């Protein structure tokens, strides 16, 4: 908050936060790891506090600058309120230039849920990270999509075969198009997965957004 030349108070930065609670801390840690692999069109993704297979913070920075658009972090560890992975906080930061700072009266009418989601989180929750998984988890997901009627069996066969073979022998254009098709289905592959895994990133994020909107 700052004061304008006329002496009235104005808001230069607004933080909106929501939290996810996990009964099993391992699920929360897997969520942070999966989030760090997601592809967000308008942001660069980075991590902090990584130790062995644990990540404490995932940052989403603007593509052309250093400002943090949003971040997810282990609030339980940061505050000492919960064991690792059990309490994950997601924060959005909105900064307003001096000429566009919000008056307090205007801030009262803001749609907080819409402000929280924004295009980056909407992309993350709805499109680019429905499930982060290993190769076999991805095949399980393709089978689910066929059962639900979301895709046809031939497409699932082509993508599953591509995953099993690793794309060897394809032209680069075909290689990119297959990975793009998987991302369009919300399937992100974790290259470091050591066992069969599938983390429903999109489902967790949608639950968080719905909680905030309630």
N, C-alpha and C. Protein backbone atom coordinates (compact mmCIF):
# COMPACT_ATOMS: atom_id res chain seq x y z
N UNK A 1 0.84 -1.18 0.00
CA UNK A 1 0.00 0.00 0.00
C UNK A 1 0.88 1.24 0.00
N UNK A 2 0.47 2.29 -0.72
CA UNK A 2 1.22 3.53 -0.78
C UNK A 2 0.28 4.71 -0.68
N UNK A 3 0.84 5.91 -0.56
CA UNK A 3 0.03 7.11 -0.50
C UNK A 3 0.25 7.93 -1.75
N UNK A 4 -0.81 8.42 -2.35
CA UNK A 4 -0.70 9.24 -3.55
C UNK A 4 -0.35 10.67 -3.17
N UNK A 5 -0.10 11.49 -4.21
CA UNK A 5 0.27 12.88 -3.96
C UNK A 5 -0.82 13.62 -3.20
N UNK A 6 -2.07 13.22 -3.39
CA UNK A 6 -3.17 13.88 -2.72
C UNK A 6 -3.32 13.42 -1.28
N UNK A 7 -2.54 12.41 -0.90
CA UNK A 7 -2.59 11.90 0.46
C UNK A 7 -3.50 10.72 0.66
N UNK A 8 -4.26 10.32 -0.39
CA UNK A 8 -5.14 9.17 -0.25
C UNK A 8 -4.36 7.87 -0.41
N UNK A 9 -4.80 6.82 0.28
CA UNK A 9 -4.11 5.53 0.23
C UNK A 9 -4.44 4.80 -1.07
N UNK A 10 -3.45 4.07 -1.59
CA UNK A 10 -3.65 3.29 -2.82
C UNK A 10 -2.88 1.99 -2.70
N UNK A 11 -3.27 1.02 -3.53
CA UNK A 11 -2.66 -0.30 -3.49
C UNK A 11 -1.74 -0.48 -4.69
N UNK A 12 -0.46 -0.76 -4.43
CA UNK A 12 0.50 -0.99 -5.49
C UNK A 12 0.76 -2.46 -5.75
N UNK A 13 0.49 -3.29 -4.75
CA UNK A 13 0.68 -4.73 -4.90
C UNK A 13 -0.40 -5.45 -4.12
N UNK A 14 -0.97 -6.48 -4.76
CA UNK A 14 -2.04 -7.24 -4.14
C UNK A 14 -1.70 -8.72 -4.23
N UNK A 15 -1.67 -9.40 -3.08
CA UNK A 15 -1.40 -10.84 -3.04
C UNK A 15 -2.69 -11.58 -2.71
N UNK A 16 -2.98 -12.62 -3.48
CA UNK A 16 -4.14 -13.47 -3.23
C UNK A 16 -3.63 -14.89 -3.05
N UNK A 17 -4.09 -15.56 -2.01
CA UNK A 17 -3.55 -16.89 -1.71
C UNK A 17 -4.67 -17.89 -1.43
N UNK A 18 -4.40 -19.15 -1.73
CA UNK A 18 -5.28 -20.26 -1.39
C UNK A 18 -4.41 -21.44 -1.00
N UNK A 19 -4.99 -22.38 -0.28
CA UNK A 19 -4.18 -23.50 0.24
C UNK A 19 -4.79 -24.84 -0.12
N UNK A 20 -3.92 -25.81 -0.29
CA UNK A 20 -4.30 -27.20 -0.48
C UNK A 20 -3.77 -28.01 0.68
N UNK A 21 -4.61 -28.86 1.25
CA UNK A 21 -4.18 -29.74 2.34
C UNK A 21 -4.16 -31.18 1.86
N UNK A 22 -3.09 -31.88 2.18
CA UNK A 22 -2.93 -33.28 1.78
C UNK A 22 -2.82 -34.14 3.04
N UNK A 23 -3.63 -35.17 3.12
CA UNK A 23 -3.56 -36.08 4.27
C UNK A 23 -2.20 -36.75 4.33
N UNK A 24 -1.68 -37.11 3.19
CA UNK A 24 -0.36 -37.73 3.10
C UNK A 24 0.61 -36.71 2.51
N UNK A 25 1.62 -36.30 3.30
CA UNK A 25 2.58 -35.30 2.85
C UNK A 25 3.29 -35.70 1.56
N UNK A 26 3.43 -36.99 1.32
CA UNK A 26 4.09 -37.44 0.09
C UNK A 26 3.31 -36.98 -1.15
N UNK A 27 1.98 -36.90 -1.03
CA UNK A 27 1.16 -36.45 -2.16
C UNK A 27 1.38 -34.96 -2.41
N UNK A 28 1.53 -34.18 -1.35
CA UNK A 28 1.79 -32.76 -1.51
C UNK A 28 3.14 -32.50 -2.14
N UNK A 29 4.15 -33.26 -1.73
CA UNK A 29 5.49 -33.11 -2.31
C UNK A 29 5.48 -33.54 -3.77
N UNK A 30 4.72 -34.59 -4.09
CA UNK A 30 4.60 -35.03 -5.49
C UNK A 30 3.90 -33.95 -6.32
N UNK A 31 2.93 -33.26 -5.71
CA UNK A 31 2.23 -32.18 -6.41
C UNK A 31 3.19 -31.06 -6.76
N UNK A 32 4.03 -30.64 -5.80
CA UNK A 32 5.01 -29.58 -6.08
C UNK A 32 5.97 -30.00 -7.18
N UNK A 33 6.45 -31.24 -7.11
CA UNK A 33 7.38 -31.73 -8.13
C UNK A 33 6.69 -31.73 -9.50
N UNK A 34 5.45 -32.21 -9.54
CA UNK A 34 4.72 -32.26 -10.81
C UNK A 34 4.48 -30.85 -11.35
N UNK A 35 4.18 -29.92 -10.46
CA UNK A 35 3.93 -28.54 -10.85
C UNK A 35 5.17 -27.92 -11.50
N UNK A 36 6.35 -28.31 -11.02
CA UNK A 36 7.59 -27.75 -11.55
C UNK A 36 7.85 -28.21 -12.99
N UNK A 37 7.17 -29.25 -13.45
CA UNK A 37 7.36 -29.77 -14.80
C UNK A 37 6.34 -29.22 -15.79
N UNK A 38 5.36 -28.49 -15.28
CA UNK A 38 4.27 -28.03 -16.14
C UNK A 38 4.75 -26.95 -17.10
N UNK A 39 4.05 -26.84 -18.21
CA UNK A 39 4.38 -25.87 -19.25
C UNK A 39 3.33 -24.78 -19.25
N UNK A 40 3.71 -23.55 -18.86
CA UNK A 40 2.77 -22.43 -18.83
C UNK A 40 3.19 -21.44 -19.91
N UNK A 41 2.31 -21.15 -20.88
CA UNK A 41 2.70 -20.32 -22.02
C UNK A 41 3.27 -18.95 -21.67
N UNK A 42 2.80 -18.32 -20.59
CA UNK A 42 3.19 -16.94 -20.31
C UNK A 42 4.15 -16.83 -19.14
N UNK A 43 4.78 -17.94 -18.75
CA UNK A 43 5.65 -17.88 -17.57
C UNK A 43 6.82 -18.84 -17.69
N UNK A 44 7.90 -18.49 -16.97
CA UNK A 44 9.04 -19.39 -16.82
C UNK A 44 8.94 -20.04 -15.45
N UNK A 45 9.15 -21.35 -15.42
CA UNK A 45 8.97 -22.10 -14.18
C UNK A 45 10.34 -22.43 -13.57
N UNK A 46 10.48 -22.18 -12.29
CA UNK A 46 11.73 -22.48 -11.58
C UNK A 46 11.43 -22.96 -10.17
N UNK A 47 12.44 -23.48 -9.50
CA UNK A 47 12.24 -24.01 -8.15
C UNK A 47 13.26 -23.41 -7.18
N UNK A 48 12.91 -23.49 -5.90
CA UNK A 48 13.80 -23.09 -4.82
C UNK A 48 13.73 -24.13 -3.71
N UNK A 49 14.79 -24.20 -2.92
CA UNK A 49 14.78 -25.08 -1.76
C UNK A 49 14.76 -26.56 -2.11
N UNK A 50 15.31 -26.92 -3.29
CA UNK A 50 15.29 -28.32 -3.69
C UNK A 50 16.39 -29.09 -2.96
N UNK A 51 15.99 -30.19 -2.32
CA UNK A 51 16.94 -31.03 -1.60
C UNK A 51 16.57 -32.48 -1.83
N UNK A 52 17.50 -33.20 -2.44
CA UNK A 52 17.23 -34.57 -2.87
C UNK A 52 15.99 -34.57 -3.76
N UNK A 53 14.93 -35.31 -3.39
CA UNK A 53 13.75 -35.38 -4.25
C UNK A 53 12.64 -34.44 -3.77
N UNK A 54 12.96 -33.50 -2.89
CA UNK A 54 11.95 -32.58 -2.36
C UNK A 54 12.14 -31.17 -2.90
N UNK A 55 11.02 -30.53 -3.21
CA UNK A 55 11.02 -29.14 -3.65
C UNK A 55 10.20 -28.34 -2.65
N UNK A 56 10.70 -27.20 -2.23
CA UNK A 56 9.96 -26.40 -1.27
C UNK A 56 9.13 -25.31 -1.95
N UNK A 57 9.63 -24.75 -3.08
CA UNK A 57 8.91 -23.67 -3.75
C UNK A 57 9.00 -23.82 -5.26
N UNK A 58 7.88 -23.58 -5.94
CA UNK A 58 7.84 -23.51 -7.40
C UNK A 58 7.41 -22.10 -7.77
N UNK A 59 8.28 -21.39 -8.52
CA UNK A 59 8.00 -20.02 -8.93
C UNK A 59 7.62 -19.95 -10.40
N UNK A 60 6.69 -19.07 -10.71
CA UNK A 60 6.30 -18.79 -12.09
C UNK A 60 6.60 -17.31 -12.35
N UNK A 61 7.64 -17.06 -13.13
CA UNK A 61 8.07 -15.68 -13.40
C UNK A 61 7.64 -15.25 -14.79
N UNK A 62 7.50 -13.95 -14.97
CA UNK A 62 7.14 -13.42 -16.28
C UNK A 62 8.23 -13.78 -17.29
N UNK A 63 7.84 -14.05 -18.50
CA UNK A 63 8.78 -14.49 -19.53
C UNK A 63 9.83 -13.42 -19.83
N UNK A 64 9.43 -12.16 -19.81
CA UNK A 64 10.34 -11.08 -20.18
C UNK A 64 10.94 -10.34 -18.99
N UNK A 65 10.62 -10.76 -17.81
CA UNK A 65 11.12 -10.05 -16.63
C UNK A 65 11.40 -10.97 -15.47
N UNK A 66 11.69 -10.37 -14.33
CA UNK A 66 12.01 -11.14 -13.15
C UNK A 66 10.87 -11.21 -12.16
N UNK A 67 9.79 -10.51 -12.43
CA UNK A 67 8.69 -10.47 -11.47
C UNK A 67 8.02 -11.83 -11.35
N UNK A 68 7.64 -12.17 -10.13
CA UNK A 68 6.97 -13.43 -9.86
C UNK A 68 5.47 -13.25 -10.07
N UNK A 69 4.91 -14.04 -10.98
CA UNK A 69 3.49 -13.97 -11.26
C UNK A 69 2.70 -14.78 -10.23
N UNK A 70 3.23 -15.93 -9.87
CA UNK A 70 2.59 -16.80 -8.90
C UNK A 70 3.62 -17.79 -8.38
N UNK A 71 3.32 -18.37 -7.23
CA UNK A 71 4.22 -19.38 -6.68
C UNK A 71 3.45 -20.34 -5.81
N UNK A 72 3.94 -21.56 -5.73
CA UNK A 72 3.38 -22.56 -4.84
C UNK A 72 4.52 -23.00 -3.92
N UNK A 73 4.23 -23.13 -2.63
CA UNK A 73 5.30 -23.51 -1.71
C UNK A 73 4.76 -24.29 -0.52
N UNK A 74 5.67 -24.95 0.17
CA UNK A 74 5.32 -25.78 1.32
C UNK A 74 5.14 -24.87 2.53
N UNK A 75 3.91 -24.42 2.74
CA UNK A 75 3.61 -23.50 3.83
C UNK A 75 3.81 -24.17 5.19
N UNK A 76 3.55 -25.48 5.26
CA UNK A 76 3.73 -26.19 6.52
C UNK A 76 5.15 -26.13 7.02
N UNK A 77 6.11 -26.33 6.11
CA UNK A 77 7.53 -26.27 6.47
C UNK A 77 7.96 -24.83 6.72
N UNK A 78 7.50 -23.91 5.87
CA UNK A 78 7.91 -22.52 5.98
C UNK A 78 7.47 -21.89 7.31
N UNK A 79 6.29 -22.30 7.79
CA UNK A 79 5.74 -21.71 9.02
C UNK A 79 5.84 -22.61 10.24
N UNK A 80 6.23 -23.87 10.01
CA UNK A 80 6.29 -24.81 11.13
C UNK A 80 4.91 -25.30 11.57
N UNK A 81 3.92 -25.16 10.68
CA UNK A 81 2.55 -25.53 11.05
C UNK A 81 2.21 -26.98 10.75
N UNK A 82 2.96 -27.61 9.83
CA UNK A 82 2.61 -28.96 9.42
C UNK A 82 3.85 -29.67 8.88
N UNK A 83 3.83 -31.01 8.87
CA UNK A 83 4.94 -31.77 8.27
C UNK A 83 5.04 -31.49 6.78
N UNK A 84 6.18 -31.83 6.21
CA UNK A 84 6.45 -31.58 4.79
C UNK A 84 5.34 -32.14 3.91
N UNK A 85 4.87 -31.29 2.99
CA UNK A 85 3.92 -31.72 1.98
C UNK A 85 2.46 -31.68 2.38
N UNK A 86 2.15 -31.45 3.63
CA UNK A 86 0.75 -31.52 4.06
C UNK A 86 -0.02 -30.22 3.83
N UNK A 87 0.68 -29.09 3.77
CA UNK A 87 0.01 -27.81 3.58
C UNK A 87 0.74 -27.02 2.48
N UNK A 88 0.13 -26.96 1.31
CA UNK A 88 0.73 -26.27 0.17
C UNK A 88 -0.05 -24.98 -0.10
N UNK A 89 0.66 -23.87 -0.15
CA UNK A 89 0.02 -22.59 -0.42
C UNK A 89 0.35 -22.14 -1.83
N UNK A 90 -0.67 -21.60 -2.52
CA UNK A 90 -0.50 -21.05 -3.86
C UNK A 90 -0.80 -19.58 -3.78
N UNK A 91 0.14 -18.75 -4.23
CA UNK A 91 -0.01 -17.29 -4.15
C UNK A 91 0.07 -16.66 -5.53
N UNK A 92 -0.78 -15.65 -5.73
CA UNK A 92 -0.72 -14.84 -6.93
C UNK A 92 -0.31 -13.43 -6.52
N UNK A 93 0.54 -12.80 -7.29
CA UNK A 93 0.94 -11.42 -7.02
C UNK A 93 0.50 -10.53 -8.17
N UNK A 94 -0.19 -9.47 -7.82
CA UNK A 94 -0.59 -8.47 -8.81
C UNK A 94 0.08 -7.15 -8.44
N UNK A 95 0.86 -6.61 -9.36
CA UNK A 95 1.52 -5.33 -9.12
C UNK A 95 0.91 -4.27 -10.03
N UNK A 96 0.71 -3.10 -9.47
CA UNK A 96 0.11 -2.00 -10.23
C UNK A 96 1.09 -0.84 -10.29
N UNK A 97 1.36 -0.36 -11.50
CA UNK A 97 2.28 0.76 -11.66
C UNK A 97 1.69 2.01 -10.98
N UNK A 98 2.60 2.94 -10.73
CA UNK A 98 2.22 4.12 -9.95
C UNK A 98 0.95 4.78 -10.50
N UNK A 99 0.88 4.91 -11.82
CA UNK A 99 -0.26 5.60 -12.43
C UNK A 99 -1.53 4.77 -12.34
N UNK A 100 -1.38 3.44 -12.11
CA UNK A 100 -2.56 2.56 -12.13
C UNK A 100 -2.83 1.92 -10.77
N UNK A 101 -2.24 2.46 -9.72
CA UNK A 101 -2.50 1.91 -8.40
C UNK A 101 -3.99 1.98 -8.07
N UNK A 102 -4.46 0.98 -7.34
CA UNK A 102 -5.88 0.89 -7.03
C UNK A 102 -6.23 1.70 -5.80
N UNK A 103 -7.33 2.42 -5.90
CA UNK A 103 -7.86 3.08 -4.71
C UNK A 103 -8.47 2.00 -3.81
N UNK A 104 -8.47 2.24 -2.51
CA UNK A 104 -9.01 1.26 -1.58
C UNK A 104 -10.47 0.94 -1.92
N UNK A 105 -11.24 1.95 -2.28
CA UNK A 105 -12.65 1.73 -2.60
C UNK A 105 -12.81 0.82 -3.81
N UNK A 106 -11.92 0.96 -4.80
CA UNK A 106 -11.99 0.11 -5.99
C UNK A 106 -11.61 -1.33 -5.66
N UNK A 107 -10.67 -1.51 -4.75
CA UNK A 107 -10.22 -2.85 -4.39
C UNK A 107 -11.33 -3.66 -3.75
N UNK A 108 -12.24 -3.00 -3.08
CA UNK A 108 -13.34 -3.70 -2.41
C UNK A 108 -14.27 -4.38 -3.40
N UNK A 109 -14.29 -3.89 -4.64
CA UNK A 109 -15.18 -4.45 -5.66
C UNK A 109 -14.50 -5.46 -6.58
N UNK A 110 -13.26 -5.80 -6.29
CA UNK A 110 -12.52 -6.73 -7.15
C UNK A 110 -13.11 -8.13 -7.07
N UNK A 111 -13.11 -8.82 -8.21
CA UNK A 111 -13.47 -10.24 -8.26
C UNK A 111 -12.23 -11.03 -7.88
N UNK A 112 -12.13 -11.41 -6.60
CA UNK A 112 -10.91 -12.03 -6.09
C UNK A 112 -10.62 -13.35 -6.78
N UNK A 113 -11.65 -14.16 -6.99
CA UNK A 113 -11.45 -15.46 -7.63
C UNK A 113 -10.88 -15.30 -9.04
N UNK A 114 -11.45 -14.35 -9.80
CA UNK A 114 -10.96 -14.11 -11.17
C UNK A 114 -9.54 -13.57 -11.13
N UNK A 115 -9.25 -12.70 -10.18
CA UNK A 115 -7.92 -12.14 -10.03
C UNK A 115 -6.90 -13.23 -9.72
N UNK A 116 -7.32 -14.18 -8.89
CA UNK A 116 -6.44 -15.27 -8.49
C UNK A 116 -6.11 -16.18 -9.67
N UNK A 117 -7.12 -16.49 -10.47
CA UNK A 117 -6.92 -17.46 -11.54
C UNK A 117 -6.03 -16.89 -12.65
N UNK A 118 -6.47 -15.83 -13.31
CA UNK A 118 -5.67 -15.25 -14.39
C UNK A 118 -5.43 -16.25 -15.51
N UNK A 119 -4.81 -15.77 -16.60
CA UNK A 119 -4.61 -16.65 -17.75
C UNK A 119 -3.60 -17.75 -17.48
N UNK A 120 -2.58 -17.46 -16.64
CA UNK A 120 -1.54 -18.47 -16.39
C UNK A 120 -2.09 -19.66 -15.63
N UNK A 121 -2.80 -19.39 -14.53
CA UNK A 121 -3.34 -20.49 -13.74
C UNK A 121 -4.46 -21.21 -14.47
N UNK A 122 -5.24 -20.46 -15.25
CA UNK A 122 -6.29 -21.10 -16.04
C UNK A 122 -5.69 -22.09 -17.03
N UNK A 123 -4.61 -21.67 -17.69
CA UNK A 123 -3.92 -22.56 -18.62
C UNK A 123 -3.40 -23.79 -17.90
N UNK A 124 -2.82 -23.56 -16.73
CA UNK A 124 -2.23 -24.66 -15.97
C UNK A 124 -3.29 -25.64 -15.50
N UNK A 125 -4.41 -25.11 -15.00
CA UNK A 125 -5.44 -25.96 -14.43
C UNK A 125 -6.29 -26.66 -15.49
N UNK A 126 -6.51 -26.01 -16.62
CA UNK A 126 -7.45 -26.54 -17.60
C UNK A 126 -6.81 -27.27 -18.76
N UNK A 127 -5.55 -26.93 -19.07
CA UNK A 127 -4.99 -27.44 -20.32
C UNK A 127 -3.66 -28.17 -20.14
N UNK A 128 -2.66 -27.47 -19.62
CA UNK A 128 -1.30 -27.97 -19.80
C UNK A 128 -0.82 -28.96 -18.74
N UNK A 129 -1.58 -29.19 -17.69
CA UNK A 129 -1.08 -30.11 -16.66
C UNK A 129 -2.22 -30.82 -15.96
N UNK A 130 -3.03 -31.52 -16.73
CA UNK A 130 -4.08 -32.33 -16.09
C UNK A 130 -3.45 -33.42 -15.23
N UNK A 131 -2.47 -34.12 -15.82
CA UNK A 131 -1.77 -35.19 -15.11
C UNK A 131 -0.29 -35.14 -15.46
N UNK A 132 0.55 -35.20 -14.45
CA UNK A 132 1.99 -35.35 -14.65
C UNK A 132 2.34 -36.77 -14.23
N UNK A 133 2.97 -37.51 -15.10
CA UNK A 133 3.14 -38.93 -14.84
C UNK A 133 4.38 -39.49 -15.54
N UNK A 134 4.68 -40.74 -15.23
CA UNK A 134 5.75 -41.44 -15.94
C UNK A 134 5.16 -42.03 -17.23
N UNK A 135 5.97 -42.74 -17.98
CA UNK A 135 5.53 -43.29 -19.26
C UNK A 135 4.30 -44.18 -19.12
N UNK A 136 4.32 -45.08 -18.15
CA UNK A 136 3.22 -46.03 -18.02
C UNK A 136 1.99 -45.36 -17.41
N UNK A 137 2.20 -44.37 -16.57
CA UNK A 137 1.07 -43.59 -16.08
C UNK A 137 0.39 -42.85 -17.22
N UNK A 138 1.20 -42.38 -18.20
CA UNK A 138 0.65 -41.70 -19.37
C UNK A 138 -0.21 -42.66 -20.20
N UNK A 139 0.25 -43.89 -20.33
CA UNK A 139 -0.52 -44.88 -21.09
C UNK A 139 -1.83 -45.20 -20.36
N UNK A 140 -1.76 -45.29 -19.04
CA UNK A 140 -3.00 -45.48 -18.26
C UNK A 140 -3.97 -44.34 -18.54
N UNK A 141 -3.44 -43.12 -18.59
CA UNK A 141 -4.28 -41.95 -18.83
C UNK A 141 -4.89 -41.99 -20.23
N UNK A 142 -4.12 -42.40 -21.22
CA UNK A 142 -4.65 -42.53 -22.57
C UNK A 142 -5.79 -43.54 -22.62
N UNK A 143 -5.63 -44.64 -21.89
CA UNK A 143 -6.69 -45.65 -21.83
C UNK A 143 -7.95 -45.07 -21.19
N UNK A 144 -7.78 -44.25 -20.16
CA UNK A 144 -8.93 -43.61 -19.51
C UNK A 144 -9.66 -42.71 -20.51
N UNK A 145 -8.88 -41.92 -21.26
CA UNK A 145 -9.48 -40.99 -22.22
C UNK A 145 -10.26 -41.73 -23.30
N UNK A 146 -9.76 -42.92 -23.71
CA UNK A 146 -10.49 -43.73 -24.68
C UNK A 146 -11.80 -44.23 -24.07
N UNK A 147 -11.75 -44.70 -22.82
CA UNK A 147 -12.96 -45.20 -22.15
C UNK A 147 -14.00 -44.10 -22.00
N UNK A 148 -13.55 -42.88 -21.75
CA UNK A 148 -14.47 -41.76 -21.58
C UNK A 148 -14.98 -41.21 -22.91
N UNK A 149 -14.40 -41.68 -24.02
CA UNK A 149 -14.80 -41.18 -25.33
C UNK A 149 -14.16 -39.86 -25.70
N UNK A 150 -13.12 -39.46 -24.96
CA UNK A 150 -12.46 -38.17 -25.22
C UNK A 150 -11.56 -38.25 -26.45
N UNK A 151 -10.97 -39.40 -26.70
CA UNK A 151 -10.16 -39.61 -27.91
C UNK A 151 -10.48 -40.99 -28.47
N UNK A 152 -10.12 -41.19 -29.73
CA UNK A 152 -10.35 -42.48 -30.38
C UNK A 152 -9.16 -43.42 -30.12
N UNK A 153 -9.43 -44.71 -30.16
CA UNK A 153 -8.40 -45.72 -29.90
C UNK A 153 -7.19 -45.60 -30.83
N UNK A 154 -7.36 -45.34 -32.14
CA UNK A 154 -6.16 -45.22 -33.00
C UNK A 154 -5.22 -44.10 -32.55
N UNK A 155 -5.78 -42.98 -32.10
CA UNK A 155 -4.92 -41.90 -31.62
C UNK A 155 -4.18 -42.32 -30.36
N UNK A 156 -4.89 -43.01 -29.45
CA UNK A 156 -4.24 -43.49 -28.23
C UNK A 156 -3.14 -44.49 -28.57
N UNK A 157 -3.40 -45.35 -29.54
CA UNK A 157 -2.39 -46.34 -29.94
C UNK A 157 -1.14 -45.63 -30.47
N UNK A 158 -1.34 -44.63 -31.30
CA UNK A 158 -0.21 -43.91 -31.90
C UNK A 158 0.62 -43.23 -30.82
N UNK A 159 -0.03 -42.60 -29.86
CA UNK A 159 0.69 -41.88 -28.82
C UNK A 159 1.35 -42.83 -27.83
N UNK A 160 0.67 -43.93 -27.50
CA UNK A 160 1.26 -44.92 -26.59
C UNK A 160 2.49 -45.56 -27.22
N UNK A 161 2.38 -45.91 -28.52
CA UNK A 161 3.53 -46.48 -29.21
C UNK A 161 4.69 -45.51 -29.27
N UNK A 162 4.38 -44.24 -29.49
CA UNK A 162 5.41 -43.20 -29.51
C UNK A 162 6.14 -43.14 -28.17
N UNK A 163 5.38 -43.20 -27.07
CA UNK A 163 5.98 -43.14 -25.74
C UNK A 163 6.86 -44.36 -25.46
N UNK A 164 6.38 -45.53 -25.81
CA UNK A 164 7.14 -46.76 -25.54
C UNK A 164 8.43 -46.79 -26.33
N UNK A 165 8.38 -46.35 -27.58
CA UNK A 165 9.57 -46.37 -28.42
C UNK A 165 10.47 -45.16 -28.20
N UNK A 166 9.94 -44.13 -27.54
CA UNK A 166 10.74 -42.94 -27.29
C UNK A 166 10.87 -42.03 -28.48
N UNK A 167 10.05 -42.25 -29.51
CA UNK A 167 10.07 -41.37 -30.68
C UNK A 167 11.23 -41.59 -31.62
N UNK A 168 11.97 -42.66 -31.45
CA UNK A 168 13.14 -42.90 -32.30
C UNK A 168 12.74 -43.09 -33.76
N UNK A 169 13.50 -42.45 -34.66
CA UNK A 169 13.29 -42.63 -36.09
C UNK A 169 12.32 -41.65 -36.72
N UNK A 170 11.62 -40.86 -35.91
CA UNK A 170 10.67 -39.90 -36.46
C UNK A 170 11.38 -38.62 -36.93
N UNK A 171 10.78 -37.94 -37.90
CA UNK A 171 11.24 -36.61 -38.25
C UNK A 171 11.02 -35.69 -37.05
N UNK A 172 11.80 -34.64 -36.96
CA UNK A 172 11.67 -33.72 -35.83
C UNK A 172 10.27 -33.12 -35.76
N UNK A 173 9.69 -32.82 -36.92
CA UNK A 173 8.34 -32.23 -36.94
C UNK A 173 7.32 -33.20 -36.35
N UNK A 174 7.46 -34.50 -36.66
CA UNK A 174 6.56 -35.50 -36.10
C UNK A 174 6.78 -35.65 -34.61
N UNK A 175 8.04 -35.64 -34.19
CA UNK A 175 8.39 -35.77 -32.78
C UNK A 175 7.73 -34.65 -31.98
N UNK A 176 7.84 -33.41 -32.49
CA UNK A 176 7.23 -32.27 -31.79
C UNK A 176 5.71 -32.37 -31.78
N UNK A 177 5.14 -32.80 -32.87
CA UNK A 177 3.67 -32.87 -32.95
C UNK A 177 3.12 -33.91 -31.99
N UNK A 178 3.83 -35.02 -31.78
CA UNK A 178 3.35 -36.05 -30.84
C UNK A 178 3.41 -35.53 -29.39
N UNK A 179 4.51 -34.86 -29.05
CA UNK A 179 4.60 -34.29 -27.70
C UNK A 179 3.55 -33.21 -27.52
N UNK A 180 3.30 -32.45 -28.56
CA UNK A 180 2.27 -31.41 -28.50
C UNK A 180 0.89 -32.02 -28.30
N UNK A 181 0.64 -33.14 -28.97
CA UNK A 181 -0.65 -33.82 -28.83
C UNK A 181 -0.85 -34.31 -27.39
N UNK A 182 0.23 -34.81 -26.78
CA UNK A 182 0.14 -35.26 -25.38
C UNK A 182 -0.15 -34.08 -24.46
N UNK A 183 0.54 -32.96 -24.67
CA UNK A 183 0.30 -31.78 -23.84
C UNK A 183 -1.12 -31.26 -24.01
N UNK A 184 -1.64 -31.32 -25.25
CA UNK A 184 -3.01 -30.88 -25.49
C UNK A 184 -4.01 -31.73 -24.73
N UNK A 185 -3.65 -32.97 -24.46
CA UNK A 185 -4.50 -33.87 -23.68
C UNK A 185 -4.26 -33.71 -22.18
N UNK A 186 -3.36 -32.79 -21.83
CA UNK A 186 -3.07 -32.56 -20.41
C UNK A 186 -2.11 -33.57 -19.82
N UNK A 187 -1.34 -34.25 -20.65
CA UNK A 187 -0.39 -35.27 -20.18
C UNK A 187 1.02 -34.71 -20.26
N UNK A 188 1.66 -34.57 -19.10
CA UNK A 188 3.04 -34.10 -19.03
C UNK A 188 3.89 -35.23 -18.47
N UNK A 189 4.98 -35.54 -19.14
CA UNK A 189 5.82 -36.67 -18.73
C UNK A 189 6.90 -36.20 -17.75
N UNK A 190 7.05 -36.94 -16.68
CA UNK A 190 8.11 -36.69 -15.70
C UNK A 190 9.31 -37.56 -16.06
N UNK A 191 10.38 -36.98 -16.60
CA UNK A 191 11.53 -37.78 -17.03
C UNK A 191 12.31 -38.37 -15.86
N UNK A 192 12.07 -37.89 -14.65
CA UNK A 192 12.82 -38.37 -13.48
C UNK A 192 12.04 -39.38 -12.64
N UNK A 193 10.84 -39.73 -13.09
CA UNK A 193 10.03 -40.67 -12.32
C UNK A 193 10.73 -42.01 -12.22
N UNK A 194 10.79 -42.54 -10.99
CA UNK A 194 11.46 -43.82 -10.77
C UNK A 194 10.47 -44.98 -10.62
N UNK A 195 9.22 -44.65 -10.56
CA UNK A 195 8.20 -45.70 -10.44
C UNK A 195 6.92 -45.19 -11.09
N UNK A 196 5.98 -46.12 -11.26
CA UNK A 196 4.70 -45.76 -11.89
C UNK A 196 4.05 -44.63 -11.09
N UNK A 197 3.68 -43.55 -11.78
CA UNK A 197 3.15 -42.40 -11.06
C UNK A 197 2.19 -41.63 -11.94
N UNK A 198 1.26 -40.93 -11.29
CA UNK A 198 0.35 -40.02 -11.97
C UNK A 198 -0.17 -39.04 -10.93
N UNK A 199 0.18 -37.77 -11.09
CA UNK A 199 -0.24 -36.73 -10.14
C UNK A 199 -1.29 -35.86 -10.82
N UNK A 200 -2.53 -35.83 -10.30
CA UNK A 200 -3.62 -35.07 -10.94
C UNK A 200 -3.52 -33.57 -10.64
N UNK A 201 -2.54 -32.92 -11.26
CA UNK A 201 -2.28 -31.50 -11.00
C UNK A 201 -3.52 -30.65 -11.28
N UNK A 202 -4.13 -30.85 -12.44
CA UNK A 202 -5.30 -30.07 -12.82
C UNK A 202 -6.43 -30.21 -11.82
N UNK A 203 -6.68 -31.43 -11.34
CA UNK A 203 -7.77 -31.66 -10.38
C UNK A 203 -7.52 -30.92 -9.08
N UNK A 204 -6.28 -30.97 -8.59
CA UNK A 204 -5.94 -30.25 -7.35
C UNK A 204 -6.14 -28.75 -7.52
N UNK A 205 -5.68 -28.21 -8.65
CA UNK A 205 -5.77 -26.77 -8.87
C UNK A 205 -7.22 -26.32 -9.03
N UNK A 206 -8.03 -27.12 -9.72
CA UNK A 206 -9.43 -26.76 -9.88
C UNK A 206 -10.15 -26.76 -8.54
N UNK A 207 -9.83 -27.74 -7.68
CA UNK A 207 -10.43 -27.79 -6.35
C UNK A 207 -10.08 -26.53 -5.56
N UNK A 208 -8.85 -26.08 -5.71
CA UNK A 208 -8.39 -24.88 -5.00
C UNK A 208 -9.12 -23.63 -5.51
N UNK A 209 -9.27 -23.53 -6.83
CA UNK A 209 -9.95 -22.38 -7.43
C UNK A 209 -11.42 -22.36 -7.02
N UNK A 210 -12.06 -23.52 -7.03
CA UNK A 210 -13.46 -23.61 -6.65
C UNK A 210 -13.66 -23.24 -5.18
N UNK A 211 -12.70 -23.63 -4.35
CA UNK A 211 -12.75 -23.29 -2.93
C UNK A 211 -12.71 -21.77 -2.75
N UNK A 212 -11.85 -21.11 -3.50
CA UNK A 212 -11.72 -19.67 -3.39
C UNK A 212 -12.98 -18.95 -3.88
N UNK A 213 -13.62 -19.52 -4.91
CA UNK A 213 -14.80 -18.88 -5.50
C UNK A 213 -16.06 -19.07 -4.64
N UNK A 214 -16.02 -20.08 -3.75
CA UNK A 214 -17.21 -20.39 -2.93
C UNK A 214 -17.54 -19.27 -1.97
